[in-house]
């Protein structure tokens, strides 16, 4: 009886530790993604107003498609921030 209680407690501790590690890693990835997204927004605000004024930000990829259509005309800062975010997204996908 005592042996099964110890075994059960050990399993619970291992499960909790694994969940904590997974949460910690997920938080770091989302923090990096949020930081990269903020960097793109800051660097590309003028470009967005100039080339993509009618596009609504958010899900659906409209802004991304607009930037891709105007890639040659984007500012150097915007291009660099988009490249950095793209690299981070590729790394996160693994």
N, C-alpha and C. Protein backbone atom coordinates (compact mmCIF):
# COMPACT_ATOMS: atom_id res chain seq x y z
N UNK A 1 0.82 -1.20 0.00
CA UNK A 1 0.00 0.00 0.00
C UNK A 1 0.87 1.26 0.00
N UNK A 2 1.87 1.26 0.85
CA UNK A 2 2.76 2.42 0.95
C UNK A 2 3.52 2.62 -0.35
N UNK A 3 3.93 1.53 -0.95
CA UNK A 3 4.70 1.58 -2.18
C UNK A 3 3.87 2.22 -3.31
N UNK A 4 2.59 1.86 -3.43
CA UNK A 4 1.74 2.43 -4.48
C UNK A 4 1.47 3.90 -4.23
N UNK A 5 1.40 4.32 -2.98
CA UNK A 5 1.21 5.75 -2.66
C UNK A 5 2.43 6.56 -3.09
N UNK A 6 3.60 6.03 -2.82
CA UNK A 6 4.83 6.71 -3.22
C UNK A 6 4.94 6.78 -4.73
N UNK A 7 4.62 5.68 -5.38
CA UNK A 7 4.64 5.64 -6.84
C UNK A 7 3.65 6.64 -7.42
N UNK A 8 2.45 6.72 -6.88
CA UNK A 8 1.43 7.66 -7.34
C UNK A 8 1.89 9.10 -7.16
N UNK A 9 2.50 9.39 -6.01
CA UNK A 9 2.99 10.74 -5.74
C UNK A 9 4.11 11.11 -6.72
N UNK A 10 4.98 10.16 -7.02
CA UNK A 10 6.07 10.41 -7.96
C UNK A 10 5.52 10.71 -9.35
N UNK A 11 4.51 9.96 -9.76
CA UNK A 11 3.91 10.19 -11.08
C UNK A 11 3.28 11.57 -11.15
N UNK A 12 2.58 11.97 -10.10
CA UNK A 12 1.95 13.30 -10.07
C UNK A 12 3.02 14.39 -10.15
N UNK A 13 4.11 14.24 -9.41
CA UNK A 13 5.19 15.24 -9.45
C UNK A 13 5.82 15.34 -10.83
N UNK A 14 6.02 14.23 -11.48
CA UNK A 14 6.60 14.23 -12.82
C UNK A 14 5.66 14.92 -13.80
N UNK A 15 4.38 14.62 -13.69
CA UNK A 15 3.39 15.24 -14.58
C UNK A 15 3.34 16.75 -14.39
N UNK A 16 3.37 17.20 -13.14
CA UNK A 16 3.33 18.63 -12.86
C UNK A 16 4.59 19.31 -13.38
N UNK A 17 5.74 18.69 -13.19
CA UNK A 17 7.01 19.27 -13.68
C UNK A 17 7.00 19.40 -15.20
N UNK A 18 6.52 18.37 -15.88
CA UNK A 18 6.45 18.41 -17.34
C UNK A 18 5.53 19.51 -17.83
N UNK A 19 4.39 19.68 -17.17
CA UNK A 19 3.46 20.74 -17.56
C UNK A 19 4.08 22.11 -17.34
N UNK A 20 4.80 22.29 -16.25
CA UNK A 20 5.45 23.57 -15.96
C UNK A 20 6.51 23.89 -17.01
N UNK A 21 7.29 22.90 -17.40
CA UNK A 21 8.31 23.12 -18.42
C UNK A 21 7.68 23.48 -19.76
N UNK A 22 6.61 22.82 -20.12
CA UNK A 22 5.93 23.11 -21.38
C UNK A 22 5.36 24.50 -21.38
N UNK A 23 4.80 24.92 -20.26
CA UNK A 23 4.25 26.27 -20.16
C UNK A 23 5.35 27.30 -20.28
N UNK A 24 6.46 27.07 -19.62
CA UNK A 24 7.57 28.01 -19.65
C UNK A 24 8.08 28.20 -21.07
N UNK A 25 8.26 27.12 -21.80
CA UNK A 25 8.75 27.20 -23.17
C UNK A 25 7.74 27.93 -24.06
N UNK A 26 6.46 27.63 -23.89
CA UNK A 26 5.42 28.27 -24.69
C UNK A 26 5.38 29.77 -24.44
N UNK A 27 5.59 30.18 -23.20
CA UNK A 27 5.58 31.59 -22.87
C UNK A 27 6.73 32.32 -23.54
N UNK A 28 7.89 31.70 -23.59
CA UNK A 28 9.05 32.33 -24.22
C UNK A 28 8.83 32.50 -25.71
N UNK A 29 8.23 31.50 -26.34
CA UNK A 29 7.97 31.59 -27.77
C UNK A 29 6.96 32.69 -28.05
N UNK A 30 5.89 32.75 -27.27
CA UNK A 30 4.88 33.76 -27.53
C UNK A 30 5.39 35.16 -27.21
N UNK A 31 6.28 35.29 -26.21
CA UNK A 31 6.88 36.59 -25.92
C UNK A 31 7.73 37.04 -27.09
N UNK A 32 8.52 36.13 -27.65
CA UNK A 32 9.35 36.47 -28.80
C UNK A 32 8.50 36.84 -30.00
N UNK A 33 7.43 36.09 -30.20
CA UNK A 33 6.53 36.37 -31.33
C UNK A 33 5.86 37.72 -31.16
N UNK A 34 5.43 38.02 -29.95
CA UNK A 34 4.78 39.32 -29.68
C UNK A 34 5.77 40.46 -29.89
N UNK A 35 7.00 40.25 -29.46
CA UNK A 35 8.04 41.27 -29.62
C UNK A 35 8.33 41.51 -31.11
N UNK A 36 8.44 40.44 -31.87
CA UNK A 36 8.71 40.55 -33.31
C UNK A 36 7.54 41.24 -34.02
N UNK A 37 6.31 40.90 -33.63
CA UNK A 37 5.12 41.52 -34.22
C UNK A 37 5.10 43.02 -33.93
N UNK A 38 5.42 43.39 -32.69
CA UNK A 38 5.46 44.81 -32.31
C UNK A 38 6.54 45.55 -33.09
N UNK A 39 7.66 44.88 -33.31
CA UNK A 39 8.76 45.48 -34.06
C UNK A 39 8.34 45.77 -35.51
N UNK A 40 7.63 44.79 -36.12
CA UNK A 40 7.15 44.97 -37.49
C UNK A 40 6.15 46.12 -37.54
N UNK A 41 5.24 46.16 -36.59
CA UNK A 41 4.24 47.25 -36.58
C UNK A 41 4.90 48.60 -36.46
N UNK A 42 5.89 48.71 -35.59
CA UNK A 42 6.59 49.99 -35.41
C UNK A 42 7.37 50.38 -36.66
N UNK A 43 8.07 49.42 -37.23
CA UNK A 43 8.93 49.70 -38.38
C UNK A 43 8.14 49.91 -39.67
N UNK A 44 6.94 49.34 -39.74
CA UNK A 44 6.18 49.36 -41.00
C UNK A 44 4.95 50.27 -40.98
N UNK A 45 4.78 51.07 -39.95
CA UNK A 45 3.59 51.91 -39.85
C UNK A 45 3.45 52.84 -41.05
N UNK A 46 4.51 53.53 -41.41
CA UNK A 46 4.46 54.45 -42.54
C UNK A 46 4.19 53.71 -43.84
N UNK A 47 4.83 52.56 -44.02
CA UNK A 47 4.61 51.76 -45.23
C UNK A 47 3.17 51.26 -45.30
N UNK A 48 2.62 50.85 -44.15
CA UNK A 48 1.24 50.37 -44.11
C UNK A 48 0.28 51.49 -44.51
N UNK A 49 0.51 52.68 -44.00
CA UNK A 49 -0.35 53.82 -44.34
C UNK A 49 -0.21 54.20 -45.81
N UNK A 50 0.99 54.09 -46.33
CA UNK A 50 1.24 54.49 -47.71
C UNK A 50 0.72 53.48 -48.73
N UNK A 51 0.98 52.19 -48.51
CA UNK A 51 0.67 51.18 -49.52
C UNK A 51 -0.58 50.34 -49.21
N UNK A 52 -0.95 50.27 -47.94
CA UNK A 52 -2.00 49.33 -47.54
C UNK A 52 -3.10 50.00 -46.71
N UNK A 53 -3.40 51.23 -47.00
CA UNK A 53 -4.34 52.01 -46.20
C UNK A 53 -5.72 51.35 -46.10
N UNK A 54 -6.17 50.67 -47.13
CA UNK A 54 -7.50 50.07 -47.11
C UNK A 54 -7.55 48.67 -46.52
N UNK A 55 -6.41 48.18 -46.07
CA UNK A 55 -6.34 46.80 -45.55
C UNK A 55 -6.50 46.82 -44.03
N UNK A 56 -7.38 45.96 -43.52
CA UNK A 56 -7.60 45.87 -42.09
C UNK A 56 -6.58 44.93 -41.47
N UNK A 57 -5.95 45.37 -40.38
CA UNK A 57 -4.98 44.52 -39.68
C UNK A 57 -5.68 43.38 -38.99
N UNK A 58 -4.96 42.30 -38.82
CA UNK A 58 -5.52 41.18 -38.08
C UNK A 58 -5.38 39.89 -38.85
N UNK A 59 -6.15 38.93 -38.47
CA UNK A 59 -6.08 37.60 -39.10
C UNK A 59 -6.56 37.66 -40.54
N UNK A 60 -6.07 36.72 -41.31
CA UNK A 60 -6.50 36.63 -42.70
C UNK A 60 -5.38 36.91 -43.69
N UNK A 61 -4.29 37.53 -43.24
CA UNK A 61 -3.13 37.72 -44.10
C UNK A 61 -3.23 38.86 -45.09
N UNK A 62 -4.23 39.71 -44.98
CA UNK A 62 -4.37 40.82 -45.92
C UNK A 62 -3.19 41.78 -45.91
N UNK A 63 -2.75 42.14 -44.72
CA UNK A 63 -1.62 43.06 -44.59
C UNK A 63 -0.35 42.40 -45.08
N UNK A 64 -0.17 41.14 -44.77
CA UNK A 64 1.02 40.40 -45.21
C UNK A 64 1.05 40.35 -46.74
N UNK A 65 -0.09 40.09 -47.35
CA UNK A 65 -0.18 40.02 -48.81
C UNK A 65 0.10 41.39 -49.43
N UNK A 66 -0.41 42.42 -48.80
CA UNK A 66 -0.17 43.78 -49.30
C UNK A 66 1.32 44.12 -49.24
N UNK A 67 1.94 43.81 -48.10
CA UNK A 67 3.39 44.06 -47.98
C UNK A 67 4.17 43.26 -49.02
N UNK A 68 3.77 42.03 -49.25
CA UNK A 68 4.46 41.19 -50.24
C UNK A 68 4.31 41.81 -51.64
N UNK A 69 3.15 42.37 -51.94
CA UNK A 69 2.92 42.98 -53.25
C UNK A 69 3.76 44.24 -53.44
N UNK A 70 4.11 44.89 -52.34
CA UNK A 70 4.89 46.14 -52.40
C UNK A 70 6.30 45.96 -51.84
N UNK A 71 6.79 44.73 -51.81
CA UNK A 71 8.09 44.41 -51.21
C UNK A 71 9.22 45.33 -51.69
N UNK A 72 9.28 45.59 -52.98
CA UNK A 72 10.36 46.40 -53.54
C UNK A 72 10.28 47.85 -53.09
N UNK A 73 9.09 48.29 -52.68
CA UNK A 73 8.90 49.69 -52.30
C UNK A 73 8.97 49.93 -50.79
N UNK A 74 9.02 48.89 -50.00
CA UNK A 74 9.03 49.03 -48.54
C UNK A 74 10.33 49.65 -48.05
N UNK A 75 10.24 50.34 -46.91
CA UNK A 75 11.44 50.93 -46.32
C UNK A 75 12.39 49.83 -45.85
N UNK A 76 13.65 50.18 -45.72
CA UNK A 76 14.66 49.22 -45.28
C UNK A 76 14.34 48.71 -43.87
N UNK A 77 13.85 49.58 -43.00
CA UNK A 77 13.50 49.19 -41.63
C UNK A 77 12.38 48.17 -41.63
N UNK A 78 11.38 48.40 -42.45
CA UNK A 78 10.24 47.49 -42.53
C UNK A 78 10.69 46.13 -43.09
N UNK A 79 11.48 46.16 -44.14
CA UNK A 79 11.98 44.90 -44.72
C UNK A 79 12.77 44.10 -43.70
N UNK A 80 13.64 44.78 -42.93
CA UNK A 80 14.47 44.10 -41.93
C UNK A 80 13.60 43.48 -40.83
N UNK A 81 12.61 44.23 -40.36
CA UNK A 81 11.73 43.71 -39.30
C UNK A 81 10.91 42.53 -39.81
N UNK A 82 10.43 42.60 -41.04
CA UNK A 82 9.65 41.50 -41.62
C UNK A 82 10.52 40.25 -41.80
N UNK A 83 11.75 40.45 -42.22
CA UNK A 83 12.68 39.33 -42.40
C UNK A 83 12.97 38.66 -41.06
N UNK A 84 13.20 39.47 -40.04
CA UNK A 84 13.46 38.94 -38.70
C UNK A 84 12.25 38.16 -38.17
N UNK A 85 11.06 38.70 -38.36
CA UNK A 85 9.86 38.00 -37.90
C UNK A 85 9.65 36.70 -38.68
N UNK A 86 9.89 36.74 -39.98
CA UNK A 86 9.76 35.53 -40.79
C UNK A 86 10.71 34.44 -40.34
N UNK A 87 11.93 34.81 -39.98
CA UNK A 87 12.92 33.84 -39.50
C UNK A 87 12.47 33.24 -38.17
N UNK A 88 11.91 34.07 -37.30
CA UNK A 88 11.43 33.59 -36.02
C UNK A 88 10.26 32.63 -36.20
N UNK A 89 9.36 32.96 -37.11
CA UNK A 89 8.20 32.08 -37.38
C UNK A 89 8.68 30.74 -37.94
N UNK A 90 9.66 30.77 -38.83
CA UNK A 90 10.19 29.53 -39.40
C UNK A 90 10.84 28.67 -38.32
N UNK A 91 11.57 29.32 -37.42
CA UNK A 91 12.23 28.61 -36.33
C UNK A 91 11.20 27.99 -35.39
N UNK A 92 10.13 28.72 -35.08
CA UNK A 92 9.09 28.22 -34.20
C UNK A 92 8.34 27.02 -34.80
N UNK A 93 8.23 27.02 -36.11
CA UNK A 93 7.54 25.90 -36.77
C UNK A 93 8.41 24.65 -36.78
N UNK A 94 9.71 24.87 -36.62
CA UNK A 94 10.62 23.76 -36.44
C UNK A 94 11.08 23.07 -37.62
